[in-house]
N, C-alpha and C. Protein backbone atom coordinates (compact mmCIF):
# COMPACT_ATOMS: atom_id res chain seq x y z
N MET A 1 0.82 -1.65 -0.31
CA MET A 1 0.00 -0.13 -0.10
C MET A 1 0.76 1.50 -0.33
N PRO A 2 0.56 2.18 -0.55
CA PRO A 2 0.94 3.01 -0.80
C PRO A 2 1.23 4.27 0.20
N LEU A 3 1.85 4.81 0.82
CA LEU A 3 2.83 5.55 1.78
C LEU A 3 1.41 6.22 1.99
N LEU A 4 0.69 7.31 1.16
CA LEU A 4 -0.20 7.91 0.90
C LEU A 4 -1.55 7.69 1.48
N ARG A 5 -1.75 6.80 0.74
CA ARG A 5 -3.42 5.51 1.24
C ARG A 5 -2.51 5.44 2.91
N MET A 6 -1.98 4.68 3.48
CA MET A 6 -1.52 4.93 4.62
C MET A 6 -1.61 5.78 5.70
N ILE A 7 -1.69 6.82 5.33
CA ILE A 7 -1.90 7.85 5.92
C ILE A 7 -2.75 8.99 6.19
N TYR A 8 -3.54 8.68 5.11
CA TYR A 8 -5.16 8.88 4.34
C TYR A 8 -5.75 7.55 5.86
N LEU A 9 -5.19 6.43 5.49
CA LEU A 9 -6.52 5.71 6.81
C LEU A 9 -5.45 5.92 8.09
N ALA A 10 -4.44 5.95 8.42
CA ALA A 10 -4.49 6.95 9.94
C ALA A 10 -5.09 7.86 10.17
N LEU A 11 -4.92 8.61 9.51
CA LEU A 11 -5.69 9.86 9.82
C LEU A 11 -7.34 9.38 9.97
N ALA A 12 -7.61 8.57 9.30
CA ALA A 12 -9.18 8.39 9.25
C ALA A 12 -9.20 7.68 10.95
N VAL A 13 -8.66 6.42 10.87
CA VAL A 13 -9.13 6.35 12.22
C VAL A 13 -8.71 7.24 13.31
N TRP A 14 -7.60 7.68 13.66
CA TRP A 14 -7.63 9.21 14.15
C TRP A 14 -8.75 10.35 14.40
N GLY A 15 -9.07 10.30 13.28
CA GLY A 15 -10.49 11.35 12.85
C GLY A 15 -12.02 10.45 13.77
N ALA A 16 -11.87 9.11 13.39
CA ALA A 16 -12.88 8.59 14.60
C ALA A 16 -12.32 8.28 15.79
N VAL A 17 -11.18 8.05 16.39
CA VAL A 17 -10.98 7.64 17.67
C VAL A 17 -11.05 9.06 18.59
N HIS A 18 -10.42 9.62 17.90
CA HIS A 18 -10.07 11.30 19.22
C HIS A 18 -11.33 11.73 19.22
N PRO A 19 -11.89 11.93 18.42
CA PRO A 19 -13.07 13.08 18.86
C PRO A 19 -14.43 12.20 19.63
N MET A 20 -14.36 10.84 19.85
CA MET A 20 -15.33 10.19 20.16
C MET A 20 -14.58 10.13 21.54
N TYR A 21 -13.39 9.92 22.30
CA TYR A 21 -13.09 9.93 22.92
C TYR A 21 -13.68 11.00 23.84
N TRP A 22 -13.41 12.14 23.61
CA TRP A 22 -13.62 13.99 24.07
C TRP A 22 -15.09 13.47 24.47
N PHE A 23 -16.18 12.82 23.43
CA PHE A 23 -17.50 12.99 23.50
C PHE A 23 -18.24 11.77 24.53
N ALA A 24 -16.95 11.06 24.63
CA ALA A 24 -17.87 9.89 25.44
C ALA A 24 -17.27 10.58 26.59
N THR A 25 -16.31 11.11 26.60
CA THR A 25 -15.92 11.82 28.20
C THR A 25 -16.75 12.76 28.55
N HIS A 26 -17.42 13.80 27.55
CA HIS A 26 -18.22 14.65 27.86
C HIS A 26 -19.63 13.83 28.88
N MET A 27 -19.81 12.98 27.65
CA MET A 27 -20.98 12.64 28.07
C MET A 27 -21.10 11.75 29.68
N ARG A 28 -20.09 10.97 29.56
CA ARG A 28 -19.67 10.60 31.05
C ARG A 28 -20.39 11.40 32.51
N GLU A 29 -19.08 12.46 31.77
CA GLU A 29 -19.05 13.64 32.91
C GLU A 29 -20.61 14.16 33.36
N THR A 30 -21.30 14.41 32.34
CA THR A 30 -22.61 15.30 32.67
C THR A 30 -23.66 14.45 32.67
N GLY A 31 -23.64 13.17 32.25
CA GLY A 31 -24.50 12.09 32.51
C GLY A 31 -26.08 12.69 31.79
N THR A 32 -25.44 13.60 30.77
CA THR A 32 -26.60 14.16 29.73
C THR A 32 -26.82 13.30 28.18
N GLY A 33 -26.24 11.96 28.26
CA GLY A 33 -26.33 11.74 26.96
C GLY A 33 -25.39 12.28 25.72
N LEU A 34 -26.48 12.11 24.40
CA LEU A 34 -26.28 12.52 23.07
C LEU A 34 -26.85 13.65 23.29
N SER A 35 -28.08 14.14 23.53
CA SER A 35 -29.09 15.35 23.75
C SER A 35 -28.01 16.53 24.57
N GLY A 36 -27.25 15.81 25.81
CA GLY A 36 -26.61 16.85 26.32
C GLY A 36 -25.47 17.54 25.46
N LEU A 37 -24.51 17.01 24.47
CA LEU A 37 -24.12 16.78 23.74
C LEU A 37 -24.12 17.76 22.60
N ILE A 38 -25.71 17.73 22.35
CA ILE A 38 -25.75 18.53 20.97
C ILE A 38 -26.42 19.92 21.26
N ASP A 39 -26.33 20.01 22.44
CA ASP A 39 -27.11 21.04 23.34
C ASP A 39 -25.39 21.61 23.75
N ALA A 40 -24.85 20.99 24.12
CA ALA A 40 -23.16 21.68 24.45
C ALA A 40 -22.87 22.47 22.95
N TRP A 41 -23.37 21.72 21.65
CA TRP A 41 -22.57 22.56 20.65
C TRP A 41 -22.69 24.06 20.46
N TYR A 42 -24.14 24.59 21.36
CA TYR A 42 -25.08 25.99 20.45
C TYR A 42 -24.96 26.37 22.37
N VAL A 43 -24.10 25.92 23.45
CA VAL A 43 -23.21 27.09 24.53
C VAL A 43 -23.07 28.64 24.40
N ASN A 44 -22.49 28.86 23.21
CA ASN A 44 -22.13 30.15 23.13
C ASN A 44 -21.81 30.14 21.22
N ALA A 45 -21.40 31.69 21.11
CA ALA A 45 -21.60 31.94 19.78
C ALA A 45 -19.98 30.52 19.30
N SER A 46 -18.79 30.90 19.83
CA SER A 46 -17.80 30.47 19.87
C SER A 46 -17.85 28.52 19.21
N THR A 47 -19.21 28.35 20.15
CA THR A 47 -19.45 26.62 19.78
C THR A 47 -20.66 26.71 18.58
N THR A 48 -21.30 27.36 18.26
CA THR A 48 -21.67 27.90 17.74
C THR A 48 -21.57 27.88 16.39
N GLY A 49 -20.27 28.81 16.35
CA GLY A 49 -20.10 29.07 14.83
C GLY A 49 -19.09 27.86 14.37
N LEU A 50 -18.43 27.43 15.31
CA LEU A 50 -17.38 26.03 14.57
C LEU A 50 -18.51 24.73 14.78
N THR A 51 -19.73 24.51 15.09
CA THR A 51 -21.25 23.67 14.77
C THR A 51 -21.27 23.97 13.80
N TRP A 52 -21.06 24.59 12.58
CA TRP A 52 -22.43 25.43 11.69
C TRP A 52 -20.12 25.29 10.50
N ASP A 53 -19.42 25.72 10.97
CA ASP A 53 -18.52 25.00 9.93
C ASP A 53 -18.39 24.05 9.92
N LEU A 54 -18.53 23.06 10.68
CA LEU A 54 -17.99 21.65 10.31
C LEU A 54 -19.24 21.23 9.75
N THR A 55 -20.72 21.61 9.89
CA THR A 55 -21.78 20.88 9.45
C THR A 55 -21.85 21.86 7.99
N ILE A 56 -21.41 22.21 7.69
CA ILE A 56 -20.60 22.78 6.13
C ILE A 56 -19.87 21.88 5.14
N ALA A 57 -19.22 22.42 5.68
CA ALA A 57 -18.27 21.20 5.18
C ALA A 57 -18.36 19.86 5.29
N ALA A 58 -19.17 19.10 6.05
CA ALA A 58 -19.96 17.88 6.22
C ALA A 58 -21.02 18.17 4.58
N ILE A 59 -21.66 19.04 4.74
CA ILE A 59 -22.77 19.14 3.14
C ILE A 59 -20.97 19.06 2.04
N ALA A 60 -20.57 20.25 1.96
CA ALA A 60 -19.63 19.77 0.63
C ALA A 60 -19.38 18.63 0.66
N LEU A 61 -18.53 18.04 1.79
CA LEU A 61 -17.61 16.87 1.05
C LEU A 61 -18.68 15.85 0.69
N THR A 62 -20.22 15.47 1.32
CA THR A 62 -21.41 14.60 0.95
C THR A 62 -21.23 15.07 -0.94
N VAL A 63 -21.53 16.32 -1.14
CA VAL A 63 -21.89 16.79 -2.22
C VAL A 63 -20.41 16.37 -2.88
N TRP A 64 -19.26 16.01 -2.91
CA TRP A 64 -18.36 15.94 -3.40
C TRP A 64 -18.33 14.00 -3.65
N VAL A 65 -18.48 13.58 -2.81
CA VAL A 65 -18.07 12.21 -2.93
C VAL A 65 -19.15 12.41 -3.75
N LEU A 66 -20.57 12.34 -3.40
CA LEU A 66 -22.27 11.81 -4.42
C LEU A 66 -21.70 12.14 -5.48
N ALA A 67 -21.30 13.10 -6.05
CA ALA A 67 -20.48 13.29 -7.84
C ALA A 67 -19.34 12.86 -8.46
N GLU A 68 -18.59 12.97 -7.49
CA GLU A 68 -17.75 11.73 -7.71
C GLU A 68 -17.60 10.32 -7.75
N THR A 69 -18.75 9.94 -7.17
CA THR A 69 -18.68 8.40 -6.77
C THR A 69 -20.00 8.37 -8.46
N PHE A 70 -20.28 9.40 -8.45
CA PHE A 70 -21.55 8.72 -9.83
C PHE A 70 -20.62 8.81 -11.23
N VAL A 71 -19.76 9.58 -11.23
CA VAL A 71 -18.42 9.55 -12.13
C VAL A 71 -17.95 8.45 -12.36
N ARG A 72 -16.85 8.42 -10.98
CA ARG A 72 -16.05 7.22 -10.74
C ARG A 72 -16.82 5.37 -10.60
N ARG A 73 -17.92 5.91 -10.11
CA ARG A 73 -18.58 4.37 -10.21
C ARG A 73 -17.81 3.80 -9.00
N ASN A 74 -17.50 4.13 -8.21
CA ASN A 74 -16.76 3.90 -7.22
C ASN A 74 -16.98 3.76 -5.43
N TRP A 75 -19.19 2.75 -5.48
CA TRP A 75 -19.61 2.54 -4.67
C TRP A 75 -19.14 2.59 -3.58
N LEU A 76 -18.49 1.79 -3.14
CA LEU A 76 -17.42 1.66 -1.98
C LEU A 76 -17.63 3.19 -1.37
N ALA A 77 -16.22 4.84 -1.64
CA ALA A 77 -17.33 5.67 -1.68
C ALA A 77 -17.67 5.81 -1.08
N LEU A 78 -18.79 5.50 -0.91
CA LEU A 78 -20.36 6.49 -0.47
C LEU A 78 -21.12 6.23 1.60
N ILE A 79 -19.49 4.88 2.13
CA ILE A 79 -19.33 4.64 3.30
C ILE A 79 -18.99 5.86 3.83
N ALA A 80 -18.04 6.96 3.32
CA ALA A 80 -17.81 8.41 3.71
C ALA A 80 -18.67 8.81 4.05
N ILE A 81 -19.87 9.19 3.79
CA ILE A 81 -21.15 9.89 4.11
C ILE A 81 -21.30 10.04 5.81
N PRO A 82 -21.77 7.94 6.19
CA PRO A 82 -22.42 7.71 6.97
C PRO A 82 -21.10 7.75 7.85
N ALA A 83 -19.98 7.73 7.70
CA ALA A 83 -19.23 8.08 8.53
C ALA A 83 -18.76 9.59 9.26
N THR A 84 -19.47 10.48 8.01
CA THR A 84 -18.54 11.98 8.35
C THR A 84 -19.82 12.15 9.10
N PHE A 85 -21.21 12.37 8.63
CA PHE A 85 -22.26 12.09 9.62
C PHE A 85 -22.26 11.87 11.22
N CYS A 86 -21.66 10.65 11.12
CA CYS A 86 -22.04 9.83 12.39
C CYS A 86 -20.48 9.94 13.44
N ILE A 87 -19.50 10.07 12.92
CA ILE A 87 -18.75 10.11 13.19
C ILE A 87 -17.91 11.92 13.30
N GLY A 88 -17.99 12.62 12.48
CA GLY A 88 -17.22 13.56 11.68
C GLY A 88 -16.61 13.97 10.74
N VAL A 89 -16.50 14.89 10.29
CA VAL A 89 -15.45 15.68 9.51
C VAL A 89 -13.99 14.39 9.28
N SER A 90 -13.52 14.78 10.42
CA SER A 90 -12.01 14.29 11.34
C SER A 90 -11.81 12.91 10.21
N CYS A 91 -13.08 12.25 10.15
CA CYS A 91 -12.84 10.87 10.17
C CYS A 91 -13.48 10.75 8.63
N GLY A 92 -14.47 11.27 8.15
CA GLY A 92 -15.45 11.20 7.03
C GLY A 92 -14.41 11.55 5.18
N LEU A 93 -13.39 12.57 5.41
CA LEU A 93 -12.41 13.39 4.68
C LEU A 93 -11.72 12.60 4.50
N PRO A 94 -10.65 12.04 5.96
CA PRO A 94 -9.93 11.08 5.53
C PRO A 94 -9.69 9.52 4.45
N LEU A 95 -11.03 9.09 5.28
CA LEU A 95 -11.93 7.69 4.89
C LEU A 95 -12.19 8.17 3.27
N TYR A 96 -12.47 9.20 3.02
CA TYR A 96 -12.86 9.41 1.35
C TYR A 96 -11.58 8.93 0.76
N LEU A 97 -10.64 9.97 1.29
CA LEU A 97 -9.33 10.01 0.21
C LEU A 97 -8.86 8.64 0.34
N PHE A 98 -8.53 8.04 1.17
CA PHE A 98 -8.26 6.45 1.30
C PHE A 98 -9.11 5.79 0.60
N LEU A 99 -10.73 5.88 0.19
CA LEU A 99 -10.93 5.30 -0.47
C LEU A 99 -10.93 5.76 -2.09
N ARG A 100 -10.17 6.74 -2.41
CA ARG A 100 -10.56 7.51 -3.79
C ARG A 100 -8.88 7.07 -4.33
N ALA A 101 -8.10 6.96 -3.28
CA ALA A 101 -6.49 6.79 -3.85
C ALA A 101 -6.04 5.27 -4.13
N ALA A 102 -7.41 4.78 -3.67
CA ALA A 102 -6.94 2.70 -4.25
C ALA A 102 -6.53 2.75 -5.95
N PRO A 103 -6.32 2.35 -5.94
CA PRO A 103 -5.78 2.13 -8.05
C PRO A 103 -6.97 1.30 -8.67
N VAL A 104 -7.43 2.19 -9.88
CA VAL A 104 -8.19 1.69 -10.40
C VAL A 104 -8.04 0.38 -11.28
N ARG A 105 -9.41 0.15 -11.41
CA ARG A 105 -9.13 -1.20 -11.54
C ARG A 105 -10.07 -1.06 -13.70
């Protein structure tokens, strides 16, 4: 496997594990679960801005994944969409780049 693909895969794993650690820590400390985590995203203008920044990035990534999937017919790359919205852009983007960098058959 080329070095660049290994870097993308490592970033996808890191982008899945690292944020989830902090999300789980927050939910465990507050005892509020997912609804409390979502409420925390809008606690002030700074976190609200960051939430919208990541939401817009996730939507842009989704449009890109869909557009390229229909052209390249790489249906496996669609897995980056649920990864983006269930985990985050920090996982979805490098995962898509990893899948996109696969050798063409």
